[in-house]
């Protein structure tokens, strides 16, 4: 099938936008994963083993601002139970 130059150009633009969006989403996801790991590092340093359910809960959070807040909370929470209560459900 022969495509017109206009269709080829529109297809190329759509593919470029899709690739850029995917790259941006990947970066954001990577940043969120890094922040969740930072929270876990602090919790492990302070309390030892972190329950798997808490690890999964943190891994499910993609909001970077919330993860920043949780990182601060992890530095001053009295125990893991109090930290778990600080995670919105």
N, C-alpha and C. Protein backbone atom coordinates (compact mmCIF):
# COMPACT_ATOMS: atom_id res chain seq x y z
N UNK A 1 0.84 -1.18 0.00
CA UNK A 1 0.00 0.00 0.00
C UNK A 1 0.89 1.23 0.00
N UNK A 2 0.56 2.20 -0.81
CA UNK A 2 1.33 3.43 -0.91
C UNK A 2 0.67 4.47 0.00
N UNK A 3 1.49 5.06 0.88
CA UNK A 3 0.97 6.09 1.78
C UNK A 3 1.42 7.46 1.29
N UNK A 4 0.56 8.41 1.49
CA UNK A 4 0.91 9.76 1.08
C UNK A 4 1.95 10.33 2.04
N UNK A 5 2.71 11.31 1.59
CA UNK A 5 3.69 11.95 2.46
C UNK A 5 3.04 12.54 3.73
N UNK A 6 1.82 13.04 3.59
CA UNK A 6 1.12 13.61 4.74
C UNK A 6 0.85 12.52 5.79
N UNK A 7 0.39 11.38 5.36
CA UNK A 7 0.11 10.29 6.29
C UNK A 7 1.41 9.80 6.93
N UNK A 8 2.45 9.71 6.15
CA UNK A 8 3.75 9.30 6.69
C UNK A 8 4.22 10.29 7.75
N UNK A 9 4.05 11.58 7.47
CA UNK A 9 4.47 12.62 8.42
C UNK A 9 3.64 12.55 9.70
N UNK A 10 2.34 12.40 9.56
CA UNK A 10 1.46 12.31 10.73
C UNK A 10 1.78 11.07 11.56
N UNK A 11 2.05 9.97 10.88
CA UNK A 11 2.40 8.73 11.58
C UNK A 11 3.71 8.90 12.34
N UNK A 12 4.69 9.52 11.70
CA UNK A 12 5.99 9.74 12.35
C UNK A 12 5.84 10.65 13.57
N UNK A 13 5.01 11.70 13.44
CA UNK A 13 4.79 12.61 14.57
C UNK A 13 4.11 11.89 15.73
N UNK A 14 3.11 11.07 15.42
CA UNK A 14 2.40 10.33 16.47
C UNK A 14 3.34 9.35 17.16
N UNK A 15 4.19 8.68 16.39
CA UNK A 15 5.14 7.75 16.98
C UNK A 15 6.14 8.49 17.88
N UNK A 16 6.59 9.66 17.45
CA UNK A 16 7.53 10.45 18.25
C UNK A 16 6.88 10.91 19.54
N UNK A 17 5.62 11.36 19.46
CA UNK A 17 4.92 11.78 20.68
C UNK A 17 4.74 10.60 21.63
N UNK A 18 4.40 9.45 21.08
CA UNK A 18 4.23 8.25 21.91
C UNK A 18 5.53 7.85 22.57
N UNK A 19 6.63 7.93 21.84
CA UNK A 19 7.93 7.58 22.41
C UNK A 19 8.32 8.57 23.50
N UNK A 20 8.07 9.86 23.28
CA UNK A 20 8.40 10.87 24.28
C UNK A 20 7.56 10.67 25.53
N UNK A 21 6.27 10.39 25.36
CA UNK A 21 5.39 10.15 26.50
C UNK A 21 5.85 8.93 27.28
N UNK A 22 6.20 7.88 26.58
CA UNK A 22 6.68 6.67 27.24
C UNK A 22 7.96 6.92 28.02
N UNK A 23 8.86 7.71 27.44
CA UNK A 23 10.11 8.03 28.11
C UNK A 23 9.85 8.85 29.37
N UNK A 24 8.96 9.83 29.28
CA UNK A 24 8.63 10.66 30.45
C UNK A 24 7.97 9.83 31.54
N UNK A 25 7.06 8.94 31.15
CA UNK A 25 6.40 8.09 32.14
C UNK A 25 7.41 7.15 32.79
N UNK A 26 8.34 6.65 32.01
CA UNK A 26 9.37 5.77 32.55
C UNK A 26 10.26 6.49 33.55
N UNK A 27 10.61 7.75 33.25
CA UNK A 27 11.42 8.54 34.17
C UNK A 27 10.67 8.78 35.47
N UNK A 28 9.39 9.15 35.37
CA UNK A 28 8.59 9.42 36.56
C UNK A 28 8.45 8.15 37.40
N UNK A 29 8.22 7.04 36.74
CA UNK A 29 8.09 5.77 37.46
C UNK A 29 9.41 5.42 38.15
N UNK A 30 10.52 5.64 37.47
CA UNK A 30 11.82 5.37 38.05
C UNK A 30 12.10 6.24 39.26
N UNK A 31 11.71 7.52 39.19
CA UNK A 31 11.89 8.42 40.33
C UNK A 31 11.06 7.95 41.51
N UNK A 32 9.82 7.56 41.25
CA UNK A 32 8.95 7.09 42.33
C UNK A 32 9.53 5.82 42.96
N UNK A 33 10.03 4.91 42.13
CA UNK A 33 10.62 3.68 42.66
C UNK A 33 11.83 4.00 43.53
N UNK A 34 12.64 4.95 43.10
CA UNK A 34 13.81 5.35 43.87
C UNK A 34 13.42 5.95 45.22
N UNK A 35 12.36 6.75 45.22
CA UNK A 35 11.91 7.36 46.47
C UNK A 35 11.33 6.30 47.41
N UNK A 36 10.60 5.34 46.86
CA UNK A 36 10.06 4.26 47.69
C UNK A 36 11.21 3.45 48.30
N UNK A 37 12.26 3.22 47.51
CA UNK A 37 13.43 2.50 48.04
C UNK A 37 14.11 3.30 49.14
N UNK A 38 14.15 4.62 49.01
CA UNK A 38 14.74 5.46 50.05
C UNK A 38 13.95 5.33 51.35
N UNK A 39 12.62 5.32 51.24
CA UNK A 39 11.78 5.15 52.42
C UNK A 39 12.08 3.81 53.07
N UNK A 40 12.16 2.77 52.27
CA UNK A 40 12.45 1.43 52.80
C UNK A 40 13.83 1.37 53.45
N UNK A 41 14.79 2.04 52.87
CA UNK A 41 16.14 2.07 53.44
C UNK A 41 16.12 2.68 54.84
N UNK A 42 15.41 3.79 54.99
CA UNK A 42 15.32 4.44 56.30
C UNK A 42 14.61 3.52 57.29
N UNK A 43 13.49 2.93 56.86
CA UNK A 43 12.75 2.05 57.76
C UNK A 43 13.59 0.84 58.18
N UNK A 44 14.32 0.26 57.24
CA UNK A 44 15.16 -0.90 57.58
C UNK A 44 16.29 -0.49 58.52
N UNK A 45 16.86 0.68 58.30
CA UNK A 45 17.95 1.15 59.17
C UNK A 45 17.43 1.39 60.59
N UNK A 46 16.22 1.87 60.70
CA UNK A 46 15.68 2.19 62.02
C UNK A 46 15.05 1.00 62.73
N UNK A 47 14.36 0.13 61.96
CA UNK A 47 13.56 -0.92 62.60
C UNK A 47 13.90 -2.34 62.19
N UNK A 48 14.86 -2.52 61.30
CA UNK A 48 15.20 -3.87 60.85
C UNK A 48 14.30 -4.31 59.72
N UNK A 49 13.79 -5.50 59.81
CA UNK A 49 12.96 -6.08 58.76
C UNK A 49 11.67 -5.30 58.58
N UNK A 50 11.33 -5.05 57.33
CA UNK A 50 10.07 -4.38 56.99
C UNK A 50 9.12 -5.44 56.45
N UNK A 51 7.90 -5.49 56.97
CA UNK A 51 6.94 -6.51 56.51
C UNK A 51 6.68 -6.42 55.00
N UNK A 52 6.54 -7.58 54.35
CA UNK A 52 6.30 -7.59 52.90
C UNK A 52 5.08 -6.76 52.49
N UNK A 53 4.04 -6.74 53.31
CA UNK A 53 2.84 -5.96 52.96
C UNK A 53 3.18 -4.47 52.89
N UNK A 54 4.05 -4.01 53.76
CA UNK A 54 4.45 -2.61 53.75
C UNK A 54 5.33 -2.32 52.53
N UNK A 55 6.20 -3.26 52.18
CA UNK A 55 7.03 -3.11 50.97
C UNK A 55 6.13 -2.99 49.75
N UNK A 56 5.12 -3.85 49.67
CA UNK A 56 4.18 -3.80 48.53
C UNK A 56 3.40 -2.50 48.52
N UNK A 57 2.95 -2.05 49.69
CA UNK A 57 2.18 -0.81 49.77
C UNK A 57 3.01 0.37 49.27
N UNK A 58 4.27 0.43 49.68
CA UNK A 58 5.13 1.52 49.22
C UNK A 58 5.40 1.42 47.73
N UNK A 59 5.57 0.20 47.22
CA UNK A 59 5.82 0.01 45.80
C UNK A 59 4.63 0.41 44.93
N UNK A 60 3.45 0.42 45.52
CA UNK A 60 2.24 0.78 44.78
C UNK A 60 2.01 2.29 44.72
N UNK A 61 2.80 3.05 45.47
CA UNK A 61 2.63 4.51 45.50
C UNK A 61 3.49 5.13 44.40
N UNK A 62 2.86 5.93 43.56
CA UNK A 62 3.56 6.57 42.44
C UNK A 62 3.61 8.09 42.57
N UNK A 63 2.95 8.60 43.59
CA UNK A 63 2.91 10.05 43.83
C UNK A 63 4.20 10.47 44.51
N UNK A 64 5.03 11.22 43.79
CA UNK A 64 6.35 11.59 44.32
C UNK A 64 6.24 12.48 45.56
N UNK A 65 5.26 13.35 45.60
CA UNK A 65 5.09 14.22 46.78
C UNK A 65 4.73 13.40 48.01
N UNK A 66 3.86 12.42 47.83
CA UNK A 66 3.50 11.55 48.94
C UNK A 66 4.71 10.76 49.40
N UNK A 67 5.50 10.27 48.48
CA UNK A 67 6.70 9.52 48.85
C UNK A 67 7.71 10.41 49.59
N UNK A 68 7.82 11.67 49.19
CA UNK A 68 8.68 12.61 49.92
C UNK A 68 8.19 12.78 51.35
N UNK A 69 6.88 12.92 51.50
CA UNK A 69 6.29 13.06 52.84
C UNK A 69 6.53 11.80 53.67
N UNK A 70 6.37 10.65 53.04
CA UNK A 70 6.59 9.39 53.76
C UNK A 70 8.06 9.21 54.14
N UNK A 71 8.96 9.72 53.32
CA UNK A 71 10.38 9.66 53.67
C UNK A 71 10.64 10.48 54.93
N UNK A 72 10.08 11.67 54.98
CA UNK A 72 10.22 12.48 56.18
C UNK A 72 9.59 11.78 57.39
N UNK A 73 8.43 11.20 57.18
CA UNK A 73 7.75 10.49 58.26
C UNK A 73 8.59 9.32 58.74
N UNK A 74 9.22 8.61 57.82
CA UNK A 74 10.04 7.45 58.19
C UNK A 74 11.21 7.85 59.09
N UNK A 75 11.68 9.07 58.96
CA UNK A 75 12.83 9.50 59.77
C UNK A 75 12.44 9.80 61.21
N UNK A 76 11.14 10.04 61.46
CA UNK A 76 10.76 10.42 62.82
C UNK A 76 9.63 9.59 63.44
N UNK A 77 9.12 8.61 62.71
CA UNK A 77 8.04 7.79 63.25
C UNK A 77 8.54 6.94 64.42
N UNK A 78 7.73 6.75 65.45
CA UNK A 78 8.20 5.98 66.61
C UNK A 78 8.33 4.48 66.35
N UNK A 79 7.52 3.96 65.39
CA UNK A 79 7.57 2.52 65.11
C UNK A 79 6.91 2.24 63.76
N UNK A 80 7.06 1.00 63.30
CA UNK A 80 6.51 0.65 61.99
C UNK A 80 4.98 0.75 61.95
N UNK A 81 4.33 0.41 63.05
CA UNK A 81 2.86 0.48 63.07
C UNK A 81 2.40 1.92 62.85
N UNK A 82 3.05 2.86 63.50
CA UNK A 82 2.69 4.28 63.31
C UNK A 82 2.97 4.70 61.87
N UNK A 83 4.06 4.22 61.31
CA UNK A 83 4.37 4.56 59.92
C UNK A 83 3.29 4.01 59.00
N UNK A 84 2.88 2.76 59.20
CA UNK A 84 1.87 2.16 58.36
C UNK A 84 0.57 2.95 58.41
N UNK A 85 0.24 3.47 59.58
CA UNK A 85 -0.98 4.26 59.71
C UNK A 85 -0.88 5.58 58.93
N UNK A 86 0.32 6.03 58.64
CA UNK A 86 0.49 7.30 57.92
C UNK A 86 0.29 7.15 56.41
N UNK A 87 0.21 5.92 55.94
CA UNK A 87 0.01 5.68 54.50
C UNK A 87 -1.48 5.76 54.18
N UNK A 88 -1.85 6.67 53.28
CA UNK A 88 -3.28 6.77 52.92
C UNK A 88 -3.75 5.49 52.24
N UNK A 89 -4.98 5.12 52.51
CA UNK A 89 -5.53 3.91 51.89
C UNK A 89 -6.50 4.25 50.79
